[in-house]
Amino acid sequence: MPQHFPSVRVRSVRGNVSVVEEYMNLGDRELLIMAKHVTTEPVLHEVFVIGGDAKGSHIKQQFIKISQGTRIIVDVNFKLKGKMKISNIFEKNKIEKDYAKILDDFVKIAEN
């Protein structure tokens, strides 16, 4: 999904924890973030942004088995810095829509 993540570089992996450098397109901006991904298979994936343009952000994805398949509950708390913080006031809906598009594209890949 290079349209959303033009560059991803795994920095370290230890057990269920990965530290990843990511360039992520969100809104009309490209963010550089250092993210710690923590998984509790098969039910939970959490992303803690530990550095970069969105330091302090947290994304929690829960996977719940239901009779029709899997329900995914996503809780996102973006904390943007500098110019991104100011533009977030004016572009909040666009950022939310763009993140929802990223999630939709992940779902399409998972279903195929």
N, C-alpha and C. Protein backbone atom coordinates (compact mmCIF):
# COMPACT_ATOMS: atom_id res chain seq x y z
N MET A 1 0.82 -1.18 0.00
CA MET A 1 0.00 0.00 0.00
C MET A 1 0.87 1.25 0.00
N PRO A 2 1.67 1.40 -1.04
CA PRO A 2 2.56 2.55 -1.11
C PRO A 2 1.85 3.89 -1.20
N GLN A 3 0.57 3.89 -1.59
CA GLN A 3 -0.17 5.15 -1.61
C GLN A 3 -0.39 5.68 -0.20
N HIS A 4 -0.38 4.82 0.79
CA HIS A 4 -0.56 5.23 2.19
C HIS A 4 0.75 5.25 2.95
N PHE A 5 1.63 4.30 2.66
CA PHE A 5 2.91 4.16 3.35
C PHE A 5 4.04 4.08 2.31
N PRO A 6 4.54 5.24 1.83
CA PRO A 6 5.57 5.22 0.80
C PRO A 6 6.87 4.54 1.23
N SER A 7 7.13 4.53 2.53
CA SER A 7 8.35 3.88 3.02
C SER A 7 8.09 3.32 4.41
N VAL A 8 8.48 2.06 4.60
CA VAL A 8 8.38 1.40 5.91
C VAL A 8 9.68 0.64 6.11
N ARG A 9 10.32 0.89 7.25
CA ARG A 9 11.58 0.20 7.55
C ARG A 9 11.52 -0.36 8.96
N VAL A 10 11.59 -1.68 9.07
CA VAL A 10 11.57 -2.34 10.37
C VAL A 10 12.93 -2.14 11.03
N ARG A 11 12.92 -1.58 12.22
CA ARG A 11 14.16 -1.29 12.94
C ARG A 11 14.54 -2.41 13.90
N SER A 12 13.52 -3.03 14.53
CA SER A 12 13.80 -4.17 15.43
C SER A 12 12.54 -4.97 15.66
N VAL A 13 12.75 -6.26 15.94
CA VAL A 13 11.65 -7.17 16.27
C VAL A 13 12.12 -8.01 17.45
N ARG A 14 11.32 -8.00 18.52
CA ARG A 14 11.59 -8.83 19.69
C ARG A 14 10.26 -9.40 20.17
N GLY A 15 10.09 -10.68 19.93
CA GLY A 15 8.83 -11.33 20.34
C GLY A 15 7.65 -10.70 19.63
N ASN A 16 6.71 -10.19 20.40
CA ASN A 16 5.49 -9.60 19.83
C ASN A 16 5.59 -8.08 19.68
N VAL A 17 6.81 -7.53 19.75
CA VAL A 17 7.01 -6.08 19.66
C VAL A 17 7.94 -5.76 18.49
N SER A 18 7.49 -4.85 17.64
CA SER A 18 8.31 -4.38 16.52
C SER A 18 8.41 -2.86 16.57
N VAL A 19 9.59 -2.34 16.26
CA VAL A 19 9.77 -0.90 16.14
C VAL A 19 9.99 -0.62 14.66
N VAL A 20 9.18 0.31 14.12
CA VAL A 20 9.14 0.53 12.69
C VAL A 20 9.20 2.03 12.39
N GLU A 21 10.05 2.40 11.42
CA GLU A 21 10.07 3.76 10.89
C GLU A 21 9.11 3.79 9.72
N GLU A 22 8.14 4.71 9.76
CA GLU A 22 7.10 4.74 8.73
C GLU A 22 6.91 6.15 8.20
N TYR A 23 6.82 6.25 6.89
CA TYR A 23 6.32 7.47 6.26
C TYR A 23 4.88 7.16 5.92
N MET A 24 3.96 7.98 6.43
CA MET A 24 2.54 7.71 6.26
C MET A 24 1.86 8.94 5.67
N ASN A 25 1.11 8.75 4.59
CA ASN A 25 0.33 9.84 4.01
C ASN A 25 -1.00 9.94 4.74
N LEU A 26 -1.25 11.12 5.30
CA LEU A 26 -2.48 11.35 6.06
C LEU A 26 -2.92 12.77 5.81
N GLY A 27 -4.17 12.94 5.41
CA GLY A 27 -4.60 14.26 4.98
C GLY A 27 -3.81 14.59 3.73
N ASP A 28 -3.34 15.80 3.63
CA ASP A 28 -2.49 16.19 2.50
C ASP A 28 -1.04 16.23 2.91
N ARG A 29 -0.68 15.50 3.95
CA ARG A 29 0.67 15.55 4.50
C ARG A 29 1.30 14.16 4.52
N GLU A 30 2.62 14.16 4.50
CA GLU A 30 3.37 12.94 4.72
C GLU A 30 4.01 13.04 6.11
N LEU A 31 3.65 12.10 6.98
CA LEU A 31 4.19 12.07 8.33
C LEU A 31 5.36 11.10 8.41
N LEU A 32 6.37 11.46 9.16
CA LEU A 32 7.44 10.54 9.50
C LEU A 32 7.22 10.16 10.96
N ILE A 33 7.05 8.86 11.21
CA ILE A 33 6.84 8.41 12.58
C ILE A 33 7.71 7.20 12.90
N MET A 34 8.06 7.09 14.15
CA MET A 34 8.69 5.89 14.69
C MET A 34 7.62 5.25 15.57
N ALA A 35 7.24 4.03 15.23
CA ALA A 35 6.11 3.39 15.90
C ALA A 35 6.52 2.06 16.52
N LYS A 36 5.99 1.83 17.72
CA LYS A 36 6.16 0.53 18.37
C LYS A 36 4.85 -0.23 18.20
N HIS A 37 4.91 -1.36 17.49
CA HIS A 37 3.74 -2.21 17.25
C HIS A 37 3.79 -3.37 18.24
N VAL A 38 2.71 -3.54 18.99
CA VAL A 38 2.61 -4.62 19.97
C VAL A 38 1.39 -5.46 19.62
N THR A 39 1.60 -6.76 19.45
CA THR A 39 0.49 -7.64 19.11
C THR A 39 0.25 -8.67 20.20
N THR A 40 -1.01 -8.93 20.44
CA THR A 40 -1.44 -10.04 21.28
C THR A 40 -2.33 -10.88 20.36
N GLU A 41 -1.71 -11.87 19.72
CA GLU A 41 -2.44 -12.65 18.72
C GLU A 41 -3.49 -13.52 19.38
N PRO A 42 -4.61 -13.67 18.76
CA PRO A 42 -5.08 -13.04 17.53
C PRO A 42 -6.01 -11.87 17.79
N VAL A 43 -6.00 -11.30 18.98
CA VAL A 43 -7.08 -10.38 19.36
C VAL A 43 -6.73 -8.90 19.40
N LEU A 44 -5.46 -8.53 19.41
CA LEU A 44 -5.12 -7.13 19.66
C LEU A 44 -3.86 -6.71 18.92
N HIS A 45 -3.91 -5.51 18.34
CA HIS A 45 -2.75 -4.86 17.73
C HIS A 45 -2.76 -3.41 18.20
N GLU A 46 -1.68 -3.00 18.86
CA GLU A 46 -1.58 -1.62 19.32
C GLU A 46 -0.35 -0.97 18.70
N VAL A 47 -0.51 0.30 18.34
CA VAL A 47 0.58 1.08 17.79
C VAL A 47 0.79 2.28 18.71
N PHE A 48 2.00 2.39 19.23
CA PHE A 48 2.39 3.52 20.06
C PHE A 48 3.41 4.33 19.26
N VAL A 49 3.08 5.59 18.96
CA VAL A 49 4.02 6.41 18.20
C VAL A 49 5.01 7.00 19.20
N ILE A 50 6.27 6.57 19.06
CA ILE A 50 7.30 6.93 20.05
C ILE A 50 8.22 8.04 19.55
N GLY A 51 8.03 8.46 18.30
CA GLY A 51 8.83 9.56 17.78
C GLY A 51 8.27 10.08 16.48
N GLY A 52 8.68 11.30 16.14
CA GLY A 52 8.28 11.88 14.86
C GLY A 52 7.11 12.83 14.95
N ASP A 53 6.46 13.02 13.80
CA ASP A 53 5.42 14.05 13.66
C ASP A 53 4.16 13.80 14.48
N ALA A 54 3.95 12.58 14.93
CA ALA A 54 2.72 12.25 15.68
C ALA A 54 3.07 11.59 17.01
N LYS A 55 4.22 11.95 17.59
CA LYS A 55 4.68 11.34 18.84
C LYS A 55 3.59 11.45 19.91
N GLY A 56 3.36 10.34 20.61
CA GLY A 56 2.33 10.31 21.65
C GLY A 56 1.00 9.76 21.16
N SER A 57 0.87 9.54 19.86
CA SER A 57 -0.37 8.98 19.31
C SER A 57 -0.47 7.50 19.69
N HIS A 58 -1.70 7.01 19.72
CA HIS A 58 -1.95 5.62 20.07
C HIS A 58 -3.09 5.09 19.20
N ILE A 59 -2.89 3.92 18.64
CA ILE A 59 -3.91 3.26 17.82
C ILE A 59 -4.11 1.86 18.39
N LYS A 60 -5.36 1.52 18.65
CA LYS A 60 -5.69 0.20 19.21
C LYS A 60 -6.67 -0.47 18.27
N GLN A 61 -6.33 -1.69 17.84
CA GLN A 61 -7.20 -2.47 16.96
C GLN A 61 -7.51 -3.79 17.66
N GLN A 62 -8.81 -4.01 17.92
CA GLN A 62 -9.26 -5.25 18.55
C GLN A 62 -9.96 -6.10 17.49
N PHE A 63 -9.69 -7.40 17.51
CA PHE A 63 -10.28 -8.34 16.56
C PHE A 63 -11.16 -9.30 17.35
N ILE A 64 -12.46 -9.26 17.07
CA ILE A 64 -13.43 -10.04 17.82
C ILE A 64 -14.13 -11.01 16.87
N LYS A 65 -14.06 -12.30 17.18
CA LYS A 65 -14.72 -13.31 16.36
C LYS A 65 -16.22 -13.24 16.58
N ILE A 66 -16.97 -13.14 15.47
CA ILE A 66 -18.43 -13.17 15.50
C ILE A 66 -18.89 -14.20 14.48
N SER A 67 -20.17 -14.55 14.51
CA SER A 67 -20.65 -15.62 13.63
C SER A 67 -20.48 -15.29 12.15
N GLN A 68 -20.54 -14.01 11.78
CA GLN A 68 -20.40 -13.63 10.38
C GLN A 68 -18.95 -13.46 9.95
N GLY A 69 -18.01 -13.56 10.85
CA GLY A 69 -16.59 -13.36 10.51
C GLY A 69 -15.84 -12.73 11.67
N THR A 70 -15.25 -11.58 11.41
CA THR A 70 -14.48 -10.88 12.43
C THR A 70 -14.90 -9.43 12.50
N ARG A 71 -15.15 -8.95 13.69
CA ARG A 71 -15.43 -7.53 13.91
C ARG A 71 -14.11 -6.89 14.34
N ILE A 72 -13.81 -5.75 13.74
CA ILE A 72 -12.61 -5.01 14.10
C ILE A 72 -13.03 -3.68 14.72
N ILE A 73 -12.56 -3.45 15.93
CA ILE A 73 -12.84 -2.19 16.62
C ILE A 73 -11.53 -1.41 16.65
N VAL A 74 -11.59 -0.18 16.13
CA VAL A 74 -10.39 0.65 16.04
C VAL A 74 -10.60 1.90 16.87
N ASP A 75 -9.64 2.18 17.75
CA ASP A 75 -9.64 3.39 18.56
C ASP A 75 -8.36 4.15 18.24
N VAL A 76 -8.50 5.37 17.74
CA VAL A 76 -7.34 6.16 17.31
C VAL A 76 -7.29 7.45 18.10
N ASN A 77 -6.11 7.75 18.64
CA ASN A 77 -5.88 9.02 19.33
C ASN A 77 -4.63 9.65 18.71
N PHE A 78 -4.84 10.50 17.69
CA PHE A 78 -3.72 11.17 17.04
C PHE A 78 -3.31 12.40 17.84
N LYS A 79 -2.02 12.55 18.03
CA LYS A 79 -1.45 13.74 18.64
C LYS A 79 -0.44 14.29 17.65
N LEU A 80 -0.82 15.36 16.98
CA LEU A 80 0.03 15.91 15.95
C LEU A 80 0.80 17.11 16.49
N LYS A 81 1.98 17.36 15.88
CA LYS A 81 2.86 18.43 16.35
C LYS A 81 3.02 19.51 15.29
N GLY A 82 3.43 20.69 15.74
CA GLY A 82 3.81 21.78 14.84
C GLY A 82 2.73 22.15 13.86
N LYS A 83 3.13 22.25 12.58
CA LYS A 83 2.19 22.64 11.52
C LYS A 83 1.04 21.65 11.39
N MET A 84 1.32 20.37 11.66
CA MET A 84 0.26 19.36 11.58
C MET A 84 -0.82 19.63 12.62
N LYS A 85 -0.42 20.10 13.80
CA LYS A 85 -1.39 20.39 14.86
C LYS A 85 -2.32 21.53 14.44
N ILE A 86 -1.74 22.57 13.86
CA ILE A 86 -2.55 23.71 13.41
C ILE A 86 -3.45 23.29 12.27
N SER A 87 -2.91 22.55 11.30
CA SER A 87 -3.74 22.14 10.16
C SER A 87 -4.80 21.14 10.58
N ASN A 88 -4.55 20.38 11.64
CA ASN A 88 -5.53 19.41 12.13
C ASN A 88 -6.83 20.09 12.54
N ILE A 89 -6.73 21.29 13.05
CA ILE A 89 -7.92 22.04 13.45
C ILE A 89 -8.83 22.24 12.23
N PHE A 90 -8.22 22.54 11.09
CA PHE A 90 -8.97 22.83 9.88
C PHE A 90 -9.26 21.61 9.03
N GLU A 91 -8.43 20.55 9.16
CA GLU A 91 -8.54 19.38 8.28
C GLU A 91 -8.93 18.11 9.03
N LYS A 92 -9.51 18.23 10.22
CA LYS A 92 -9.78 17.05 11.03
C LYS A 92 -10.59 16.01 10.28
N ASN A 93 -11.65 16.43 9.61
CA ASN A 93 -12.48 15.47 8.88
C ASN A 93 -11.70 14.79 7.77
N LYS A 94 -10.85 15.51 7.07
CA LYS A 94 -10.05 14.92 6.00
C LYS A 94 -9.09 13.89 6.56
N ILE A 95 -8.45 14.18 7.67
CA ILE A 95 -7.52 13.24 8.30
C ILE A 95 -8.27 11.98 8.73
N GLU A 96 -9.44 12.14 9.34
CA GLU A 96 -10.24 10.98 9.75
C GLU A 96 -10.66 10.14 8.54
N LYS A 97 -11.09 10.80 7.47
CA LYS A 97 -11.50 10.08 6.25
C LYS A 97 -10.31 9.35 5.63
N ASP A 98 -9.15 10.01 5.61
CA ASP A 98 -7.97 9.36 5.03
C ASP A 98 -7.54 8.15 5.85
N TYR A 99 -7.61 8.25 7.17
CA TYR A 99 -7.25 7.09 8.00
C TYR A 99 -8.26 5.96 7.81
N ALA A 100 -9.54 6.31 7.69
CA ALA A 100 -10.57 5.29 7.43
C ALA A 100 -10.30 4.61 6.09
N LYS A 101 -9.81 5.35 5.09
CA LYS A 101 -9.48 4.78 3.78
C LYS A 101 -8.32 3.79 3.91
N ILE A 102 -7.33 4.12 4.74
CA ILE A 102 -6.21 3.20 4.98
C ILE A 102 -6.75 1.89 5.57
N LEU A 103 -7.62 1.99 6.57
CA LEU A 103 -8.19 0.79 7.19
C LEU A 103 -9.02 -0.01 6.19
N ASP A 104 -9.82 0.68 5.36
CA ASP A 104 -10.61 -0.02 4.34
C ASP A 104 -9.71 -0.79 3.38
N ASP A 105 -8.60 -0.19 3.00
CA ASP A 105 -7.68 -0.87 2.08
C ASP A 105 -7.04 -2.08 2.73
N PHE A 106 -6.72 -2.00 4.04
CA PHE A 106 -6.20 -3.17 4.76
C PHE A 106 -7.24 -4.29 4.77
N VAL A 107 -8.50 -3.96 5.00
CA VAL A 107 -9.57 -4.95 5.03
C VAL A 107 -9.70 -5.64 3.67
N LYS A 108 -9.64 -4.86 2.59
CA LYS A 108 -9.74 -5.44 1.24
C LYS A 108 -8.62 -6.44 1.00
N ILE A 109 -7.42 -6.10 1.44
CA ILE A 109 -6.28 -7.03 1.28
C ILE A 109 -6.52 -8.30 2.09
N ALA A 110 -6.98 -8.15 3.33
CA ALA A 110 -7.21 -9.29 4.21
C ALA A 110 -8.30 -10.22 3.67
N GLU A 111 -9.30 -9.65 3.02
CA GLU A 111 -10.41 -10.45 2.51
C GLU A 111 -10.06 -11.21 1.24
N ASN A 112 -9.00 -10.81 0.56
CA ASN A 112 -8.62 -11.48 -0.70
C ASN A 112 -7.51 -12.45 -0.53
